[in-house]
Amino acid sequence: MPHDVWIPPVHRDLTHGVERVAVDGSTIGAVIEALDAQFPGLAARLTDGDRLRPGIAAAVNGVVASRGLRQKLTDASEIHFVPAMAGG
């Protein structure tokens, strides 16, 4: 099940300018692994160990994923990696 993944502009140096990629994965973590297989170094920019890096959120079909890398993806989805928002 391919997902439509939008690459943030700050990371497009690793994708040679490509802004959208179709990859398979049953979780956000698996999607990042698939992205890293195509574009080495992308996982290091998006993750810190077994979590998304602080300041990065994954949005699936417009909704921020509450489970981070463990967020399950049951249908083909649109995924964006965006700066996490904090309020005060």
N, C-alpha and C. Protein backbone atom coordinates (compact mmCIF):
# COMPACT_ATOMS: atom_id res chain seq x y z
N MET A 1 0.84 -1.16 0.00
CA MET A 1 0.00 0.00 0.00
C MET A 1 0.90 1.24 0.00
N PRO A 2 1.03 1.89 -1.14
CA PRO A 2 1.91 3.07 -1.19
C PRO A 2 1.27 4.30 -0.54
N HIS A 3 2.10 5.05 0.15
CA HIS A 3 1.70 6.30 0.78
C HIS A 3 2.36 7.45 0.03
N ASP A 4 1.69 8.56 -0.04
CA ASP A 4 2.19 9.76 -0.69
C ASP A 4 2.86 10.60 0.40
N VAL A 5 4.20 10.66 0.38
CA VAL A 5 4.95 11.33 1.44
C VAL A 5 5.55 12.63 0.88
N TRP A 6 5.25 13.72 1.56
CA TRP A 6 5.79 15.03 1.19
C TRP A 6 7.07 15.26 1.98
N ILE A 7 8.12 15.60 1.27
CA ILE A 7 9.43 15.84 1.89
C ILE A 7 9.54 17.33 2.21
N PRO A 8 9.85 17.69 3.46
CA PRO A 8 10.00 19.10 3.81
C PRO A 8 11.15 19.74 3.02
N PRO A 9 11.01 21.01 2.65
CA PRO A 9 12.06 21.68 1.87
C PRO A 9 13.45 21.57 2.49
N VAL A 10 13.54 21.61 3.81
CA VAL A 10 14.84 21.56 4.48
C VAL A 10 15.55 20.22 4.27
N HIS A 11 14.82 19.17 3.88
CA HIS A 11 15.43 17.85 3.68
C HIS A 11 15.56 17.46 2.22
N ARG A 12 15.16 18.33 1.33
CA ARG A 12 15.19 17.98 -0.10
C ARG A 12 16.59 17.91 -0.68
N ASP A 13 17.59 18.37 0.06
CA ASP A 13 18.96 18.17 -0.42
C ASP A 13 19.28 16.68 -0.49
N LEU A 14 18.66 15.88 0.38
CA LEU A 14 18.89 14.43 0.36
C LEU A 14 18.10 13.73 -0.74
N THR A 15 17.03 14.37 -1.23
CA THR A 15 16.18 13.75 -2.25
C THR A 15 16.44 14.35 -3.64
N HIS A 16 17.50 15.14 -3.76
CA HIS A 16 17.85 15.79 -5.03
C HIS A 16 16.70 16.66 -5.52
N GLY A 17 16.01 17.32 -4.58
CA GLY A 17 14.94 18.23 -4.92
C GLY A 17 13.56 17.62 -5.02
N VAL A 18 13.47 16.30 -4.94
CA VAL A 18 12.17 15.63 -5.03
C VAL A 18 11.34 16.04 -3.82
N GLU A 19 10.10 16.48 -4.05
CA GLU A 19 9.27 16.93 -2.94
C GLU A 19 8.20 15.94 -2.52
N ARG A 20 7.94 14.94 -3.35
CA ARG A 20 6.91 13.95 -3.03
C ARG A 20 7.38 12.57 -3.48
N VAL A 21 7.19 11.59 -2.60
CA VAL A 21 7.65 10.23 -2.86
C VAL A 21 6.55 9.25 -2.47
N ALA A 22 6.38 8.19 -3.23
CA ALA A 22 5.43 7.12 -2.88
C ALA A 22 6.23 5.96 -2.29
N VAL A 23 5.90 5.58 -1.06
CA VAL A 23 6.57 4.45 -0.40
C VAL A 23 5.55 3.62 0.35
N ASP A 24 5.90 2.37 0.59
CA ASP A 24 5.05 1.46 1.37
C ASP A 24 5.46 1.48 2.83
N GLY A 25 4.54 1.08 3.69
CA GLY A 25 4.84 0.93 5.11
C GLY A 25 3.57 0.81 5.91
N SER A 26 3.60 -0.02 6.93
CA SER A 26 2.41 -0.22 7.76
C SER A 26 2.39 0.70 8.98
N THR A 27 3.51 1.40 9.23
CA THR A 27 3.61 2.37 10.32
C THR A 27 4.44 3.56 9.83
N ILE A 28 4.41 4.65 10.58
CA ILE A 28 5.25 5.80 10.25
C ILE A 28 6.72 5.38 10.27
N GLY A 29 7.10 4.56 11.23
CA GLY A 29 8.48 4.09 11.30
C GLY A 29 8.89 3.31 10.05
N ALA A 30 8.01 2.45 9.57
CA ALA A 30 8.31 1.67 8.35
C ALA A 30 8.40 2.59 7.13
N VAL A 31 7.57 3.62 7.09
CA VAL A 31 7.64 4.59 5.99
C VAL A 31 8.99 5.30 6.01
N ILE A 32 9.45 5.70 7.19
CA ILE A 32 10.76 6.37 7.29
C ILE A 32 11.87 5.43 6.88
N GLU A 33 11.78 4.15 7.25
CA GLU A 33 12.79 3.17 6.82
C GLU A 33 12.82 3.06 5.30
N ALA A 34 11.64 3.03 4.67
CA ALA A 34 11.57 2.96 3.21
C ALA A 34 12.14 4.22 2.57
N LEU A 35 11.85 5.37 3.16
CA LEU A 35 12.42 6.62 2.66
C LEU A 35 13.94 6.61 2.75
N ASP A 36 14.45 6.13 3.90
CA ASP A 36 15.89 6.09 4.12
C ASP A 36 16.58 5.13 3.16
N ALA A 37 15.90 4.07 2.75
CA ALA A 37 16.48 3.13 1.78
C ALA A 37 16.68 3.83 0.43
N GLN A 38 15.75 4.73 0.07
CA GLN A 38 15.86 5.46 -1.18
C GLN A 38 16.76 6.67 -1.06
N PHE A 39 16.72 7.32 0.09
CA PHE A 39 17.45 8.56 0.32
C PHE A 39 18.20 8.47 1.64
N PRO A 40 19.39 7.83 1.62
CA PRO A 40 20.15 7.64 2.85
C PRO A 40 20.38 8.96 3.60
N GLY A 41 20.19 8.87 4.91
CA GLY A 41 20.37 10.03 5.77
C GLY A 41 19.06 10.67 6.19
N LEU A 42 17.99 10.36 5.50
CA LEU A 42 16.70 10.97 5.83
C LEU A 42 16.20 10.50 7.20
N ALA A 43 16.38 9.23 7.51
CA ALA A 43 15.94 8.73 8.83
C ALA A 43 16.68 9.44 9.96
N ALA A 44 17.95 9.70 9.78
CA ALA A 44 18.73 10.38 10.82
C ALA A 44 18.22 11.79 11.07
N ARG A 45 17.66 12.42 10.05
CA ARG A 45 17.12 13.77 10.21
C ARG A 45 15.72 13.77 10.82
N LEU A 46 14.99 12.67 10.65
CA LEU A 46 13.61 12.63 11.14
C LEU A 46 13.46 11.92 12.47
N THR A 47 14.40 11.05 12.81
CA THR A 47 14.26 10.25 14.03
C THR A 47 15.43 10.40 14.97
N ASP A 48 15.17 10.08 16.22
CA ASP A 48 16.18 10.04 17.26
C ASP A 48 15.96 8.73 18.00
N GLY A 49 16.71 7.71 17.62
CA GLY A 49 16.48 6.38 18.19
C GLY A 49 15.15 5.83 17.73
N ASP A 50 14.29 5.52 18.67
CA ASP A 50 12.98 4.94 18.33
C ASP A 50 11.85 5.96 18.40
N ARG A 51 12.18 7.24 18.22
CA ARG A 51 11.17 8.30 18.26
C ARG A 51 11.42 9.31 17.14
N LEU A 52 10.39 10.08 16.83
CA LEU A 52 10.60 11.22 15.95
C LEU A 52 11.47 12.21 16.69
N ARG A 53 12.30 12.94 15.96
CA ARG A 53 13.14 13.95 16.59
C ARG A 53 12.27 15.00 17.28
N PRO A 54 12.76 15.55 18.38
CA PRO A 54 12.03 16.66 19.01
C PRO A 54 11.85 17.78 17.98
N GLY A 55 10.67 18.34 17.95
CA GLY A 55 10.40 19.42 17.02
C GLY A 55 9.86 18.97 15.68
N ILE A 56 9.69 17.66 15.49
CA ILE A 56 9.12 17.13 14.25
C ILE A 56 7.87 16.31 14.58
N ALA A 57 6.84 16.54 13.80
CA ALA A 57 5.60 15.76 13.94
C ALA A 57 5.28 15.14 12.59
N ALA A 58 4.58 14.02 12.62
CA ALA A 58 4.11 13.38 11.41
C ALA A 58 2.61 13.61 11.32
N ALA A 59 2.15 14.13 10.20
CA ALA A 59 0.73 14.32 9.98
C ALA A 59 0.26 13.32 8.93
N VAL A 60 -0.77 12.57 9.26
CA VAL A 60 -1.34 11.56 8.36
C VAL A 60 -2.72 12.04 7.95
N ASN A 61 -2.88 12.28 6.66
CA ASN A 61 -4.15 12.80 6.14
C ASN A 61 -4.62 14.03 6.91
N GLY A 62 -3.66 14.90 7.25
CA GLY A 62 -3.98 16.17 7.89
C GLY A 62 -4.13 16.12 9.39
N VAL A 63 -3.93 14.95 10.01
CA VAL A 63 -4.06 14.81 11.46
C VAL A 63 -2.70 14.39 12.04
N VAL A 64 -2.24 15.13 13.04
CA VAL A 64 -0.95 14.80 13.65
C VAL A 64 -1.04 13.42 14.30
N ALA A 65 -0.08 12.57 13.96
CA ALA A 65 -0.04 11.19 14.47
C ALA A 65 0.32 11.21 15.95
N SER A 66 -0.55 10.68 16.78
CA SER A 66 -0.34 10.70 18.22
C SER A 66 0.61 9.61 18.71
N ARG A 67 0.87 8.61 17.88
CA ARG A 67 1.71 7.48 18.31
C ARG A 67 3.11 7.52 17.72
N GLY A 68 3.48 8.62 17.10
CA GLY A 68 4.83 8.76 16.55
C GLY A 68 5.16 7.68 15.54
N LEU A 69 6.32 7.07 15.68
CA LEU A 69 6.78 6.05 14.73
C LEU A 69 5.90 4.81 14.73
N ARG A 70 5.18 4.58 15.82
CA ARG A 70 4.31 3.39 15.93
C ARG A 70 2.93 3.60 15.33
N GLN A 71 2.66 4.81 14.84
CA GLN A 71 1.34 5.09 14.26
C GLN A 71 1.06 4.13 13.11
N LYS A 72 -0.01 3.37 13.21
CA LYS A 72 -0.38 2.41 12.17
C LYS A 72 -1.00 3.13 10.98
N LEU A 73 -0.73 2.61 9.81
CA LEU A 73 -1.27 3.14 8.56
C LEU A 73 -2.04 2.00 7.89
N THR A 74 -3.36 2.08 7.94
CA THR A 74 -4.17 0.98 7.41
C THR A 74 -4.59 1.19 5.97
N ASP A 75 -4.62 2.45 5.52
CA ASP A 75 -4.99 2.76 4.15
C ASP A 75 -3.89 3.62 3.53
N ALA A 76 -3.86 3.67 2.21
CA ALA A 76 -2.94 4.59 1.54
C ALA A 76 -3.20 5.99 2.07
N SER A 77 -2.15 6.69 2.48
CA SER A 77 -2.30 7.97 3.17
C SER A 77 -1.38 9.02 2.58
N GLU A 78 -1.69 10.28 2.90
CA GLU A 78 -0.80 11.39 2.60
C GLU A 78 -0.09 11.73 3.90
N ILE A 79 1.23 11.74 3.87
CA ILE A 79 2.03 11.94 5.08
C ILE A 79 2.92 13.15 4.90
N HIS A 80 2.94 14.01 5.92
CA HIS A 80 3.81 15.18 5.95
C HIS A 80 4.61 15.14 7.24
N PHE A 81 5.89 15.48 7.15
CA PHE A 81 6.72 15.65 8.33
C PHE A 81 6.87 17.17 8.53
N VAL A 82 6.37 17.66 9.65
CA VAL A 82 6.28 19.10 9.86
C VAL A 82 6.88 19.48 11.20
N PRO A 83 7.29 20.75 11.33
CA PRO A 83 7.76 21.19 12.65
C PRO A 83 6.61 21.08 13.65
N ALA A 84 6.90 20.53 14.82
CA ALA A 84 5.88 20.40 15.86
C ALA A 84 5.55 21.79 16.39
N MET A 85 4.29 22.01 16.69
CA MET A 85 3.84 23.30 17.20
C MET A 85 3.77 23.23 18.71
N ALA A 86 4.21 24.28 19.35
CA ALA A 86 4.10 24.37 20.81
C ALA A 86 3.36 25.66 21.14
N GLY A 87 2.61 25.61 22.19
CA GLY A 87 1.85 26.80 22.58
C GLY A 87 2.21 27.24 23.97
N GLY A 88 1.75 28.40 24.31
CA GLY A 88 2.06 28.85 25.65
C GLY A 88 1.12 29.89 26.13
